[in-house]
Amino acid sequence: MGTLFLGSCASGVIWSRIGMTETEFLNTKKNRKRVHLVQESMTKSIYKANDFNFFFYFQDKILVEKNEGQRQSDFILENRNR
């Protein structure tokens, strides 16, 4: 009974790995209906999982980052007036 429960929980996960291509990501059977395109440009694409707040970032058609929508800023400002 426990195995059945754990198996059903795992089925909700979007399968991905850093470095996979965008085509592999979209062709994965479990992902096909569970993600949608949020933003696209010539070199970047962002997908969001429909079931929960999780984002997948592709650059040049390669998965480079996945997170819950919290990205580090590109610049870190330091207070140097101490």
PDB file of N, CA and C in Angstrom:
ATOM      1  N   MET A   1       0.826  -1.193   0.000  1.00  0.00           N
ATOM      2  CA  MET A   1       0.000   0.000   0.000  1.00  0.00           C
ATOM      3  C   MET A   1       0.876   1.264   0.000  1.00  0.00           C
ATOM      4  N   GLY A   2       1.942   1.241   0.809  1.00  0.00           N
ATOM      5  CA  GLY A   2       2.853   2.381   0.874  1.00  0.00           C
ATOM      6  C   GLY A   2       3.542   2.624  -0.453  1.00  0.00           C
ATOM      7  N   THR A   3       3.897   1.553  -1.152  1.00  0.00           N
ATOM      8  CA  THR A   3       4.561   1.682  -2.443  1.00  0.00           C
ATOM      9  C   THR A   3       3.631   2.346  -3.451  1.00  0.00           C
ATOM     10  N   LEU A   4       2.364   1.997  -3.420  1.00  0.00           N
ATOM     11  CA  LEU A   4       1.382   2.600  -4.316  1.00  0.00           C
ATOM     12  C   LEU A   4       1.277   4.100  -4.054  1.00  0.00           C
ATOM     13  N   PHE A   5       1.238   4.477  -2.774  1.00  0.00           N
ATOM     14  CA  PHE A   5       1.146   5.883  -2.412  1.00  0.00           C
ATOM     15  C   PHE A   5       2.375   6.661  -2.894  1.00  0.00           C
ATOM     16  N   LEU A   6       3.566   6.134  -2.651  1.00  0.00           N
ATOM     17  CA  LEU A   6       4.787   6.806  -3.070  1.00  0.00           C
ATOM     18  C   LEU A   6       4.882   6.904  -4.586  1.00  0.00           C
ATOM     19  N   GLY A   7       4.449   5.876  -5.275  1.00  0.00           N
ATOM     20  CA  GLY A   7       4.456   5.893  -6.737  1.00  0.00           C
ATOM     21  C   GLY A   7       3.528   6.945  -7.295  1.00  0.00           C
ATOM     22  N   SER A   8       2.372   7.140  -6.662  1.00  0.00           N
ATOM     23  CA  SER A   8       1.435   8.140  -7.155  1.00  0.00           C
ATOM     24  C   SER A   8       1.950   9.547  -6.883  1.00  0.00           C
ATOM     25  N   CYS A   9       2.688   9.743  -5.798  1.00  0.00           N
ATOM     26  CA  CYS A   9       3.271  11.060  -5.519  1.00  0.00           C
ATOM     27  C   CYS A   9       4.360  11.400  -6.534  1.00  0.00           C
ATOM     28  N   ALA A  10       5.159  10.430  -6.880  1.00  0.00           N
ATOM     29  CA  ALA A  10       6.256  10.672  -7.818  1.00  0.00           C
ATOM     30  C   ALA A  10       5.751  10.983  -9.216  1.00  0.00           C
ATOM     31  N   SER A  11       4.543  10.559  -9.553  1.00  0.00           N
ATOM     32  CA  SER A  11       4.039  10.791 -10.902  1.00  0.00           C
ATOM     33  C   SER A  11       3.739  12.262 -11.160  1.00  0.00           C
ATOM     34  N   GLY A  12       3.647  13.087 -10.104  1.00  0.00           N
ATOM     35  CA  GLY A  12       3.371  14.508 -10.268  1.00  0.00           C
ATOM     36  C   GLY A  12       4.598  15.335 -10.603  1.00  0.00           C
ATOM     37  N   VAL A  13       5.766  14.727 -10.591  1.00  0.00           N
ATOM     38  CA  VAL A  13       7.008  15.459 -10.803  1.00  0.00           C
ATOM     39  C   VAL A  13       7.266  15.658 -12.294  1.00  0.00           C
ATOM     40  N   ILE A  14       7.691  16.856 -12.646  1.00  0.00           N
ATOM     41  CA  ILE A  14       8.105  17.134 -14.020  1.00  0.00           C
ATOM     42  C   ILE A  14       9.514  16.595 -14.172  1.00  0.00           C
ATOM     43  N   TRP A  15       9.723  15.715 -15.127  1.00  0.00           N
ATOM     44  CA  TRP A  15      11.047  15.106 -15.292  1.00  0.00           C
ATOM     45  C   TRP A  15      11.944  16.036 -16.074  1.00  0.00           C
ATOM     46  N   SER A  16      13.113  16.315 -15.523  1.00  0.00           N
ATOM     47  CA  SER A  16      14.084  17.160 -16.207  1.00  0.00           C
ATOM     48  C   SER A  16      15.465  16.965 -15.591  1.00  0.00           C
ATOM     49  N   ARG A  17      16.480  17.364 -16.347  1.00  0.00           N
ATOM     50  CA  ARG A  17      17.854  17.376 -15.845  1.00  0.00           C
ATOM     51  C   ARG A  17      18.581  18.511 -16.551  1.00  0.00           C
ATOM     52  N   ILE A  18      19.427  19.185 -15.798  1.00  0.00           N
ATOM     53  CA  ILE A  18      20.205  20.278 -16.369  1.00  0.00           C
ATOM     54  C   ILE A  18      21.038  19.734 -17.527  1.00  0.00           C
ATOM     55  N   GLY A  19      21.032  20.429 -18.655  1.00  0.00           N
ATOM     56  CA  GLY A  19      21.792  20.012 -19.824  1.00  0.00           C
ATOM     57  C   GLY A  19      20.957  19.305 -20.881  1.00  0.00           C
ATOM     58  N   MET A  20      19.714  18.936 -20.549  1.00  0.00           N
ATOM     59  CA  MET A  20      18.882  18.276 -21.560  1.00  0.00           C
ATOM     60  C   MET A  20      18.389  19.316 -22.567  1.00  0.00           C
ATOM     61  N   THR A  21      18.066  18.879 -23.762  1.00  0.00           N
ATOM     62  CA  THR A  21      17.590  19.809 -24.786  1.00  0.00           C
ATOM     63  C   THR A  21      16.123  20.138 -24.556  1.00  0.00           C
ATOM     64  N   GLU A  22      15.703  21.229 -25.127  1.00  0.00           N
ATOM     65  CA  GLU A  22      14.305  21.648 -25.017  1.00  0.00           C
ATOM     66  C   GLU A  22      13.380  20.622 -25.669  1.00  0.00           C
ATOM     67  N   THR A  23      13.811  20.037 -26.767  1.00  0.00           N
ATOM     68  CA  THR A  23      13.017  19.008 -27.450  1.00  0.00           C
ATOM     69  C   THR A  23      12.844  17.780 -26.572  1.00  0.00           C
ATOM     70  N   GLU A  24      13.928  17.318 -25.920  1.00  0.00           N
ATOM     71  CA  GLU A  24      13.828  16.175 -25.002  1.00  0.00           C
ATOM     72  C   GLU A  24      12.840  16.479 -23.877  1.00  0.00           C
ATOM     73  N   PHE A  25      12.941  17.680 -23.336  1.00  0.00           N
ATOM     74  CA  PHE A  25      12.066  18.105 -22.243  1.00  0.00           C
ATOM     75  C   PHE A  25      10.598  18.065 -22.663  1.00  0.00           C
ATOM     76  N   LEU A  26      10.303  18.612 -23.829  1.00  0.00           N
ATOM     77  CA  LEU A  26       8.914  18.678 -24.289  1.00  0.00           C
ATOM     78  C   LEU A  26       8.395  17.329 -24.774  1.00  0.00           C
ATOM     79  N   ASN A  27       9.254  16.440 -25.241  1.00  0.00           N
ATOM     80  CA  ASN A  27       8.822  15.136 -25.737  1.00  0.00           C
ATOM     81  C   ASN A  27       8.671  14.092 -24.644  1.00  0.00           C
ATOM     82  N   THR A  28       9.115  14.399 -23.434  1.00  0.00           N
ATOM     83  CA  THR A  28       8.936  13.468 -22.323  1.00  0.00           C
ATOM     84  C   THR A  28       7.442  13.335 -22.064  1.00  0.00           C
ATOM     85  N   LYS A  29       6.951  12.131 -22.085  1.00  0.00           N
ATOM     86  CA  LYS A  29       5.511  11.860 -22.011  1.00  0.00           C
ATOM     87  C   LYS A  29       4.848  12.546 -20.817  1.00  0.00           C
ATOM     88  N   LYS A  30       5.490  12.495 -19.652  1.00  0.00           N
ATOM     89  CA  LYS A  30       4.891  13.094 -18.458  1.00  0.00           C
ATOM     90  C   LYS A  30       4.863  14.613 -18.527  1.00  0.00           C
ATOM     91  N   ASN A  31       5.766  15.225 -19.273  1.00  0.00           N
ATOM     92  CA  ASN A  31       5.863  16.687 -19.319  1.00  0.00           C
ATOM     93  C   ASN A  31       4.930  17.313 -20.342  1.00  0.00           C
ATOM     94  N   ARG A  32       4.577  16.581 -21.356  1.00  0.00           N
ATOM     95  CA  ARG A  32       3.900  17.139 -22.533  1.00  0.00           C
ATOM     96  C   ARG A  32       2.713  18.039 -22.182  1.00  0.00           C
ATOM     97  N   LYS A  33       1.837  17.593 -21.295  1.00  0.00           N
ATOM     98  CA  LYS A  33       0.640  18.366 -20.967  1.00  0.00           C
ATOM     99  C   LYS A  33       0.778  19.135 -19.653  1.00  0.00           C
ATOM    100  N   ARG A  34       1.924  19.024 -19.015  1.00  0.00           N
ATOM    101  CA  ARG A  34       2.069  19.593 -17.681  1.00  0.00           C
ATOM    102  C   ARG A  34       2.827  20.911 -17.646  1.00  0.00           C
ATOM    103  N   VAL A  35       3.366  21.360 -18.773  1.00  0.00           N
ATOM    104  CA  VAL A  35       4.118  22.613 -18.806  1.00  0.00           C
ATOM    105  C   VAL A  35       3.592  23.512 -19.921  1.00  0.00           C
ATOM    106  N   HIS A  36       3.777  24.814 -19.750  1.00  0.00           N
ATOM    107  CA  HIS A  36       3.427  25.738 -20.835  1.00  0.00           C
ATOM    108  C   HIS A  36       4.492  26.822 -20.944  1.00  0.00           C
ATOM    109  N   LEU A  37       4.629  27.347 -22.131  1.00  0.00           N
ATOM    110  CA  LEU A  37       5.620  28.366 -22.450  1.00  0.00           C
ATOM    111  C   LEU A  37       5.188  29.698 -21.846  1.00  0.00           C
ATOM    112  N   VAL A  38       6.088  30.323 -21.098  1.00  0.00           N
ATOM    113  CA  VAL A  38       5.801  31.611 -20.467  1.00  0.00           C
ATOM    114  C   VAL A  38       6.440  32.745 -21.253  1.00  0.00           C
ATOM    115  N   GLN A  39       7.679  32.550 -21.682  1.00  0.00           N
ATOM    116  CA  GLN A  39       8.404  33.593 -22.395  1.00  0.00           C
ATOM    117  C   GLN A  39       9.370  32.952 -23.381  1.00  0.00           C
ATOM    118  N   GLU A  40       9.505  33.591 -24.542  1.00  0.00           N
ATOM    119  CA  GLU A  40      10.414  33.043 -25.555  1.00  0.00           C
ATOM    120  C   GLU A  40      11.057  34.184 -26.327  1.00  0.00           C
ATOM    121  N   SER A  41      12.350  34.040 -26.579  1.00  0.00           N
ATOM    122  CA  SER A  41      13.076  34.972 -27.438  1.00  0.00           C
ATOM    123  C   SER A  41      13.930  34.132 -28.383  1.00  0.00           C
ATOM    124  N   MET A  42      14.824  34.768 -29.108  1.00  0.00           N
ATOM    125  CA  MET A  42      15.652  34.032 -30.064  1.00  0.00           C
ATOM    126  C   MET A  42      16.547  33.003 -29.372  1.00  0.00           C
ATOM    127  N   THR A  43      17.036  33.305 -28.172  1.00  0.00           N
ATOM    128  CA  THR A  43      17.987  32.406 -27.510  1.00  0.00           C
ATOM    129  C   THR A  43      17.488  31.832 -26.193  1.00  0.00           C
ATOM    130  N   LYS A  44      16.397  32.372 -25.636  1.00  0.00           N
ATOM    131  CA  LYS A  44      15.930  31.929 -24.317  1.00  0.00           C
ATOM    132  C   LYS A  44      14.463  31.525 -24.348  1.00  0.00           C
ATOM    133  N   SER A  45      14.125  30.517 -23.532  1.00  0.00           N
ATOM    134  CA  SER A  45      12.733  30.095 -23.345  1.00  0.00           C
ATOM    135  C   SER A  45      12.527  29.802 -21.874  1.00  0.00           C
ATOM    136  N   ILE A  46      11.322  30.122 -21.381  1.00  0.00           N
ATOM    137  CA  ILE A  46      10.969  29.821 -19.997  1.00  0.00           C
ATOM    138  C   ILE A  46       9.636  29.076 -20.009  1.00  0.00           C
ATOM    139  N   TYR A  47       9.608  27.922 -19.337  1.00  0.00           N
ATOM    140  CA  TYR A  47       8.389  27.128 -19.198  1.00  0.00           C
ATOM    141  C   TYR A  47       7.982  27.091 -17.746  1.00  0.00           C
ATOM    142  N   LYS A  48       6.681  26.992 -17.502  1.00  0.00           N
ATOM    143  CA  LYS A  48       6.152  26.889 -16.142  1.00  0.00           C
ATOM    144  C   LYS A  48       5.351  25.598 -16.028  1.00  0.00           C
ATOM    145  N   ALA A  49       5.533  24.896 -14.914  1.00  0.00           N
ATOM    146  CA  ALA A  49       4.743  23.701 -14.654  1.00  0.00           C
ATOM    147  C   ALA A  49       3.329  24.137 -14.294  1.00  0.00           C
ATOM    148  N   ASN A  50       2.334  23.523 -14.884  1.00  0.00           N
ATOM    149  CA  ASN A  50       0.937  23.897 -14.650  1.00  0.00           C
ATOM    150  C   ASN A  50       0.483  23.615 -13.223  1.00  0.00           C
ATOM    151  N   ASP A  51       0.952  22.517 -12.645  1.00  0.00           N
ATOM    152  CA  ASP A  51       0.453  22.070 -11.346  1.00  0.00           C
ATOM    153  C   ASP A  51       1.009  22.865 -10.173  1.00  0.00           C
ATOM    154  N   PHE A  52       2.188  23.399 -10.308  1.00  0.00           N
ATOM    155  CA  PHE A  52       2.809  24.125  -9.203  1.00  0.00           C
ATOM    156  C   PHE A  52       3.736  25.196  -9.748  1.00  0.00           C
ATOM    157  N   ASN A  53       4.189  26.052  -8.870  1.00  0.00           N
ATOM    158  CA  ASN A  53       5.019  27.187  -9.252  1.00  0.00           C
ATOM    159  C   ASN A  53       6.464  26.748  -9.436  1.00  0.00           C
ATOM    160  N   PHE A  54       6.791  26.192 -10.574  1.00  0.00           N
ATOM    161  CA  PHE A  54       8.149  25.752 -10.862  1.00  0.00           C
ATOM    162  C   PHE A  54       8.474  26.139 -12.294  1.00  0.00           C
ATOM    163  N   PHE A  55       9.650  26.729 -12.491  1.00  0.00           N
ATOM    164  CA  PHE A  55      10.032  27.256 -13.789  1.00  0.00           C
ATOM    165  C   PHE A  55      11.269  26.552 -14.331  1.00  0.00           C
ATOM    166  N   PHE A  56      11.330  26.455 -15.659  1.00  0.00           N
ATOM    167  CA  PHE A  56      12.437  25.803 -16.359  1.00  0.00           C
ATOM    168  C   PHE A  56      12.994  26.802 -17.363  1.00  0.00           C
ATOM    169  N   TYR A  57      14.295  27.085 -17.276  1.00  0.00           N
ATOM    170  CA  TYR A  57      14.943  28.106 -18.090  1.00  0.00           C
ATOM    171  C   TYR A  57      15.876  27.456 -19.115  1.00  0.00           C
ATOM    172  N   PHE A  58      15.609  27.730 -20.386  1.00  0.00           N
ATOM    173  CA  PHE A  58      16.422  27.195 -21.481  1.00  0.00           C
ATOM    174  C   PHE A  58      17.178  28.336 -22.137  1.00  0.00           C
ATOM    175  N   GLN A  59      18.441  28.105 -22.415  1.00  0.00           N
ATOM    176  CA  GLN A  59      19.244  29.057 -23.185  1.00  0.00           C
ATOM    177  C   GLN A  59      19.876  28.287 -24.329  1.00  0.00           C
ATOM    178  N   ASP A  60      19.668  28.783 -25.538  1.00  0.00           N
ATOM    179  CA  ASP A  60      20.124  28.103 -26.753  1.00  0.00           C
ATOM    180  C   ASP A  60      19.641  26.653 -26.792  1.00  0.00           C
ATOM    181  N   LYS A  61      18.370  26.463 -26.395  1.00  0.00           N
ATOM    182  CA  LYS A  61      17.670  25.162 -26.440  1.00  0.00           C
ATOM    183  C   LYS A  61      18.211  24.129 -25.435  1.00  0.00           C
ATOM    184  N   ILE A  62      18.972  24.568 -24.410  1.00  0.00           N
ATOM    185  CA  ILE A  62      19.515  23.678 -23.384  1.00  0.00           C
ATOM    186  C   ILE A  62      18.990  24.138 -22.021  1.00  0.00           C
ATOM    187  N   LEU A  63      18.528  23.201 -21.191  1.00  0.00           N
ATOM    188  CA  LEU A  63      18.052  23.526 -19.843  1.00  0.00           C
ATOM    189  C   LEU A  63      19.235  23.943 -18.984  1.00  0.00           C
ATOM    190  N   VAL A  64      19.204  25.190 -18.504  1.00  0.00           N
ATOM    191  CA  VAL A  64      20.330  25.715 -17.730  1.00  0.00           C
ATOM    192  C   VAL A  64      19.963  25.966 -16.272  1.00  0.00           C
ATOM    193  N   GLU A  65      18.657  26.064 -15.974  1.00  0.00           N
ATOM    194  CA  GLU A  65      18.247  26.342 -14.600  1.00  0.00           C
ATOM    195  C   GLU A  65      16.801  25.925 -14.401  1.00  0.00           C
ATOM    196  N   LYS A  66      16.494  25.492 -13.186  1.00  0.00           N
ATOM    197  CA  LYS A  66      15.112  25.217 -12.807  1.00  0.00           C
ATOM    198  C   LYS A  66      14.949  25.643 -11.352  1.00  0.00           C
ATOM    199  N   ASN A  67      13.824  26.324 -11.064  1.00  0.00           N
ATOM    200  CA  ASN A  67      13.610  26.815  -9.710  1.00  0.00           C
ATOM    201  C   ASN A  67      12.143  27.155  -9.500  1.00  0.00           C
ATOM    202  N   GLU A  68      11.841  27.699  -8.331  1.00  0.00           N
ATOM    203  CA  GLU A  68      10.467  28.058  -7.986  1.00  0.00           C
ATOM    204  C   GLU A  68      10.172  29.525  -8.270  1.00  0.00           C
ATOM    205  N   GLY A  69      10.843  30.086  -9.258  1.00  0.00           N
ATOM    206  CA  GLY A  69      10.599  31.468  -9.641  1.00  0.00           C
ATOM    207  C   GLY A  69      11.459  32.457  -8.895  1.00  0.00           C
ATOM    208  N   GLN A  70      12.354  31.985  -8.076  1.00  0.00           N
ATOM    209  CA  GLN A  70      13.265  32.852  -7.336  1.00  0.00           C
ATOM    210  C   GLN A  70      14.642  32.751  -7.968  1.00  0.00           C
ATOM    211  N   ARG A  71      15.006  33.726  -8.747  1.00  0.00           N
ATOM    212  CA  ARG A  71      16.320  33.723  -9.400  1.00  0.00           C
ATOM    213  C   ARG A  71      17.225  34.701  -8.685  1.00  0.00           C
ATOM    214  N   GLN A  72      18.510  34.378  -8.656  1.00  0.00           N
ATOM    215  CA  GLN A  72      19.480  35.310  -8.097  1.00  0.00           C
ATOM    216  C   GLN A  72      19.577  36.519  -9.010  1.00  0.00           C
ATOM    217  N   SER A  73      19.783  37.674  -8.395  1.00  0.00           N
ATOM    218  CA  SER A  73      19.951  38.863  -9.221  1.00  0.00           C
ATOM    219  C   SER A  73      21.295  38.789  -9.927  1.00  0.00           C
ATOM    220  N   ASP A  74      21.393  39.469 -11.042  1.00  0.00           N
ATOM    221  CA  ASP A  74      22.628  39.471 -11.806  1.00  0.00           C
ATOM    222  C   ASP A  74      23.714  40.302 -11.131  1.00  0.00           C
ATOM    223  N   PHE A  75      23.295  41.274 -10.315  1.00  0.00           N
ATOM    224  CA  PHE A  75      24.253  42.164  -9.650  1.00  0.00           C
ATOM    225  C   PHE A  75      24.034  42.100  -8.148  1.00  0.00           C
ATOM    226  N   ILE A  76      25.125  42.115  -7.417  1.00  0.00           N
ATOM    227  CA  ILE A  76      25.059  42.160  -5.962  1.00  0.00           C
ATOM    228  C   ILE A  76      25.602  43.519  -5.540  1.00  0.00           C
ATOM    229  N   LEU A  77      24.767  44.302  -4.907  1.00  0.00           N
ATOM    230  CA  LEU A  77      25.171  45.635  -4.477  1.00  0.00           C
ATOM    231  C   LEU A  77      25.671  45.549  -3.034  1.00  0.00           C
ATOM    232  N   GLU A  78      26.785  46.186  -2.778  1.00  0.00           N
ATOM    233  CA  GLU A  78      27.357  46.202  -1.438  1.00  0.00           C
ATOM    234  C   GLU A  78      27.391  47.631  -0.932  1.00  0.00           C
ATOM    235  N   ASN A  79      27.136  47.789   0.351  1.00  0.00           N
ATOM    236  CA  ASN A  79      27.235  49.092   0.966  1.00  0.00           C
ATOM    237  C   ASN A  79      28.697  49.313   1.343  1.00  0.00           C
ATOM    238  N   ARG A  80      29.364  50.198   0.639  1.00  0.00           N
ATOM    239  CA  ARG A  80      30.787  50.450   0.888  1.00  0.00           C
ATOM    240  C   ARG A  80      30.998  51.724   1.711  1.00  0.00           C
ATOM    241  N   ASN A  81      29.960  52.267   2.270  1.00  0.00           N
ATOM    242  CA  ASN A  81      30.071  53.500   3.058  1.00  0.00           C
ATOM    243  C   ASN A  81      30.245  53.229   4.548  1.00  0.00           C
ATOM    244  N   ARG A  82      30.711  52.095   4.921  1.00  0.00           N
ATOM    245  CA  ARG A  82      30.855  51.770   6.343  1.00  0.00           C
ATOM    246  C   ARG A  82      32.127  52.309   6.901  1.00  0.00           C
TER     247      ARG A  82
END
